[in-house]
Amino acid sequence: MLAFPSALKIYLAVAPVDMRGQFNALWAHAQNALGSDPREGAVFVFANKKRDRVKLLYWDGTGVWVLAKRLERGRFSWPAGSDPARLSLSPEALTMLLAGIDLREGMRKAWYENR
């Protein structure tokens, strides 16, 4: 299980990405399509067209990490956002997404329901 710090920025690419791409291709996609510098320390999440595979790109200060996950059944899903290129996720939302929880209908509980 991966754990992400609460201050970590996470950007999910809305458009599908060719999963054959590795470090350099994902890095270029983060810069060009998402308009972000991967050296800022954010995690970038990319999915294929069928959304049964995801790759995460992360710069830790010394090098680049690429993590991959393939679902044996089902698809990853996430809510629609206002930005056509990327979504900003909280670390908790990324953990749920990677666990296979459908985020399309998800919403945060009101403050008085958080117990």
C-alpha atoms as a PDB file:
ATOM      1  CA  MET A   1       0.000   0.000   0.000  1.00  0.00           C
ATOM      2  CA  LEU A   2       1.258   3.433  -0.922  1.00  0.00           C
ATOM      3  CA  ALA A   3       0.949   6.323   1.487  1.00  0.00           C
ATOM      4  CA  PHE A   4       1.058   9.904   0.294  1.00  0.00           C
ATOM      5  CA  PRO A   5       1.714  12.968   2.485  1.00  0.00           C
ATOM      6  CA  SER A   6      -1.258  15.310   2.818  1.00  0.00           C
ATOM      7  CA  ALA A   7       0.672  18.280   1.364  1.00  0.00           C
ATOM      8  CA  LEU A   8       1.547  16.420  -1.850  1.00  0.00           C
ATOM      9  CA  LYS A   9       0.051  17.832  -5.062  1.00  0.00           C
ATOM     10  CA  ILE A  10      -1.452  15.227  -7.363  1.00  0.00           C
ATOM     11  CA  TYR A  11      -2.482  15.868 -10.947  1.00  0.00           C
ATOM     12  CA  LEU A  12      -4.421  13.369 -13.013  1.00  0.00           C
ATOM     13  CA  ALA A  13      -4.266  13.649 -16.808  1.00  0.00           C
ATOM     14  CA  VAL A  14      -7.783  13.577 -18.233  1.00  0.00           C
ATOM     15  CA  ALA A  15      -6.780  12.522 -21.756  1.00  0.00           C
ATOM     16  CA  PRO A  16      -5.537   8.957 -22.264  1.00  0.00           C
ATOM     17  CA  VAL A  17      -1.812   8.373 -22.667  1.00  0.00           C
ATOM     18  CA  ASP A  18       0.081   5.679 -24.558  1.00  0.00           C
ATOM     19  CA  MET A  19       1.177   3.287 -21.804  1.00  0.00           C
ATOM     20  CA  ARG A  20       4.225   2.215 -23.798  1.00  0.00           C
ATOM     21  CA  GLY A  21       5.784   5.555 -22.835  1.00  0.00           C
ATOM     22  CA  GLN A  22       8.246   5.498 -19.988  1.00  0.00           C
ATOM     23  CA  PHE A  23      10.130   8.185 -18.067  1.00  0.00           C
ATOM     24  CA  ASN A  24      10.833  10.673 -20.866  1.00  0.00           C
ATOM     25  CA  ALA A  25       7.440  10.379 -22.584  1.00  0.00           C
ATOM     26  CA  LEU A  26       5.523  10.853 -19.329  1.00  0.00           C
ATOM     27  CA  TRP A  27       7.815  13.719 -18.320  1.00  0.00           C
ATOM     28  CA  ALA A  28       7.156  15.457 -21.667  1.00  0.00           C
ATOM     29  CA  HIS A  29       3.410  14.883 -21.311  1.00  0.00           C
ATOM     30  CA  ALA A  30       3.429  16.440 -17.832  1.00  0.00           C
ATOM     31  CA  GLN A  31       5.247  19.487 -19.180  1.00  0.00           C
ATOM     32  CA  ASN A  32       3.459  19.963 -22.502  1.00  0.00           C
ATOM     33  CA  ALA A  33      -0.098  18.687 -22.058  1.00  0.00           C
ATOM     34  CA  LEU A  34      -0.526  19.422 -18.350  1.00  0.00           C
ATOM     35  CA  GLY A  35       1.559  22.582 -18.235  1.00  0.00           C
ATOM     36  CA  SER A  36       3.481  21.580 -15.112  1.00  0.00           C
ATOM     37  CA  ASP A  37       7.105  21.090 -14.218  1.00  0.00           C
ATOM     38  CA  PRO A  38       7.585  17.587 -12.784  1.00  0.00           C
ATOM     39  CA  ARG A  39      10.482  18.916 -10.662  1.00  0.00           C
ATOM     40  CA  GLU A  40       7.945  20.745  -8.471  1.00  0.00           C
ATOM     41  CA  GLY A  41       7.443  17.520  -6.537  1.00  0.00           C
ATOM     42  CA  ALA A  42       3.913  16.658  -7.635  1.00  0.00           C
ATOM     43  CA  VAL A  43       2.680  13.208  -8.591  1.00  0.00           C
ATOM     44  CA  PHE A  44       1.300  12.924 -12.120  1.00  0.00           C
ATOM     45  CA  VAL A  45      -1.210  10.163 -12.854  1.00  0.00           C
ATOM     46  CA  PHE A  46      -1.754   8.896 -16.399  1.00  0.00           C
ATOM     47  CA  ALA A  47      -4.215   6.287 -17.705  1.00  0.00           C
ATOM     48  CA  ASN A  48      -4.658   4.426 -20.962  1.00  0.00           C
ATOM     49  CA  LYS A  49      -7.737   4.689 -23.169  1.00  0.00           C
ATOM     50  CA  LYS A  50      -9.493   1.687 -21.579  1.00  0.00           C
ATOM     51  CA  ARG A  51      -8.586   3.017 -18.102  1.00  0.00           C
ATOM     52  CA  ASP A  52      -7.468  -0.373 -16.888  1.00  0.00           C
ATOM     53  CA  ARG A  53      -3.853   0.779 -16.460  1.00  0.00           C
ATOM     54  CA  VAL A  54      -2.332   3.761 -14.701  1.00  0.00           C
ATOM     55  CA  LYS A  55       1.188   5.104 -14.347  1.00  0.00           C
ATOM     56  CA  LEU A  56       2.404   7.578 -11.751  1.00  0.00           C
ATOM     57  CA  LEU A  57       5.332   9.904 -12.387  1.00  0.00           C
ATOM     58  CA  TYR A  58       7.118  11.454  -9.402  1.00  0.00           C
ATOM     59  CA  TRP A  59      10.353  13.421  -9.008  1.00  0.00           C
ATOM     60  CA  ASP A  60      11.801  12.840  -5.516  1.00  0.00           C
ATOM     61  CA  GLY A  61      14.665  15.320  -5.820  1.00  0.00           C
ATOM     62  CA  THR A  62      17.265  12.766  -6.879  1.00  0.00           C
ATOM     63  CA  GLY A  63      15.520  10.953  -9.697  1.00  0.00           C
ATOM     64  CA  VAL A  64      12.258  10.058 -11.377  1.00  0.00           C
ATOM     65  CA  TRP A  65       9.910   7.327 -10.209  1.00  0.00           C
ATOM     66  CA  VAL A  66       7.443   5.602 -12.507  1.00  0.00           C
ATOM     67  CA  LEU A  67       4.922   3.320 -10.823  1.00  0.00           C
ATOM     68  CA  ALA A  68       2.418   1.250 -12.784  1.00  0.00           C
ATOM     69  CA  LYS A  69      -0.755  -0.649 -11.954  1.00  0.00           C
ATOM     70  CA  ARG A  70      -2.883  -2.888 -14.173  1.00  0.00           C
ATOM     71  CA  LEU A  71      -6.359  -3.969 -13.155  1.00  0.00           C
ATOM     72  CA  GLU A  72      -7.253  -7.560 -13.932  1.00  0.00           C
ATOM     73  CA  ARG A  73     -10.976  -6.679 -14.029  1.00  0.00           C
ATOM     74  CA  GLY A  74     -12.818  -3.376 -14.119  1.00  0.00           C
ATOM     75  CA  ARG A  75     -11.681   0.146 -14.888  1.00  0.00           C
ATOM     76  CA  PHE A  76     -10.360   3.146 -13.020  1.00  0.00           C
ATOM     77  CA  SER A  77     -12.864   5.992 -12.809  1.00  0.00           C
ATOM     78  CA  TRP A  78     -12.699   9.561 -11.620  1.00  0.00           C
ATOM     79  CA  PRO A  79     -14.972  12.583 -11.486  1.00  0.00           C
ATOM     80  CA  ALA A  80     -15.178  15.186 -14.218  1.00  0.00           C
ATOM     81  CA  GLY A  81     -13.309  18.395 -13.554  1.00  0.00           C
ATOM     82  CA  SER A  82     -13.446  21.968 -14.774  1.00  0.00           C
ATOM     83  CA  ASP A  83      -9.999  21.799 -16.408  1.00  0.00           C
ATOM     84  CA  PRO A  84     -10.103  19.802 -19.676  1.00  0.00           C
ATOM     85  CA  ALA A  85      -6.448  18.711 -19.323  1.00  0.00           C
ATOM     86  CA  ARG A  86      -6.057  17.650 -15.682  1.00  0.00           C
ATOM     87  CA  LEU A  87      -7.716  17.076 -12.343  1.00  0.00           C
ATOM     88  CA  SER A  88      -6.242  17.942  -8.973  1.00  0.00           C
ATOM     89  CA  LEU A  89      -6.666  15.148  -6.447  1.00  0.00           C
ATOM     90  CA  SER A  90      -6.066  14.880  -2.746  1.00  0.00           C
ATOM     91  CA  PRO A  91      -3.777  12.090  -1.565  1.00  0.00           C
ATOM     92  CA  GLU A  92      -6.817  10.344  -0.055  1.00  0.00           C
ATOM     93  CA  ALA A  93      -8.648  10.467  -3.401  1.00  0.00           C
ATOM     94  CA  LEU A  94      -5.627   8.987  -5.185  1.00  0.00           C
ATOM     95  CA  THR A  95      -5.460   6.163  -2.656  1.00  0.00           C
ATOM     96  CA  MET A  96      -9.153   5.419  -3.222  1.00  0.00           C
ATOM     97  CA  LEU A  97      -8.752   5.607  -7.000  1.00  0.00           C
ATOM     98  CA  LEU A  98      -5.841   3.146  -6.923  1.00  0.00           C
ATOM     99  CA  ALA A  99      -7.902   0.851  -4.683  1.00  0.00           C
ATOM    100  CA  GLY A 100     -10.620   0.722  -7.341  1.00  0.00           C
ATOM    101  CA  ILE A 101     -13.186   2.971  -5.675  1.00  0.00           C
ATOM    102  CA  ASP A 102     -15.444   4.790  -8.146  1.00  0.00           C
ATOM    103  CA  LEU A 103     -14.877   8.516  -7.651  1.00  0.00           C
ATOM    104  CA  ARG A 104     -17.427   9.724 -10.231  1.00  0.00           C
ATOM    105  CA  GLU A 105     -20.268   9.866  -7.712  1.00  0.00           C
ATOM    106  CA  GLY A 106     -18.083  10.471  -4.690  1.00  0.00           C
ATOM    107  CA  MET A 107     -18.329  13.572  -2.602  1.00  0.00           C
ATOM    108  CA  ARG A 108     -16.968  14.740   0.688  1.00  0.00           C
ATOM    109  CA  LYS A 109     -19.251  14.480   3.692  1.00  0.00           C
ATOM    110  CA  ALA A 110     -20.399  17.628   5.411  1.00  0.00           C
ATOM    111  CA  TRP A 111     -18.226  18.684   8.337  1.00  0.00           C
ATOM    112  CA  TYR A 112     -20.823  17.489  10.862  1.00  0.00           C
ATOM    113  CA  GLU A 113     -20.829  13.958   9.371  1.00  0.00           C
ATOM    114  CA  ASN A 114     -17.054  13.410   9.593  1.00  0.00           C
ATOM    115  CA  ARG A 115     -16.689  11.113  12.582  1.00  0.00           C
END
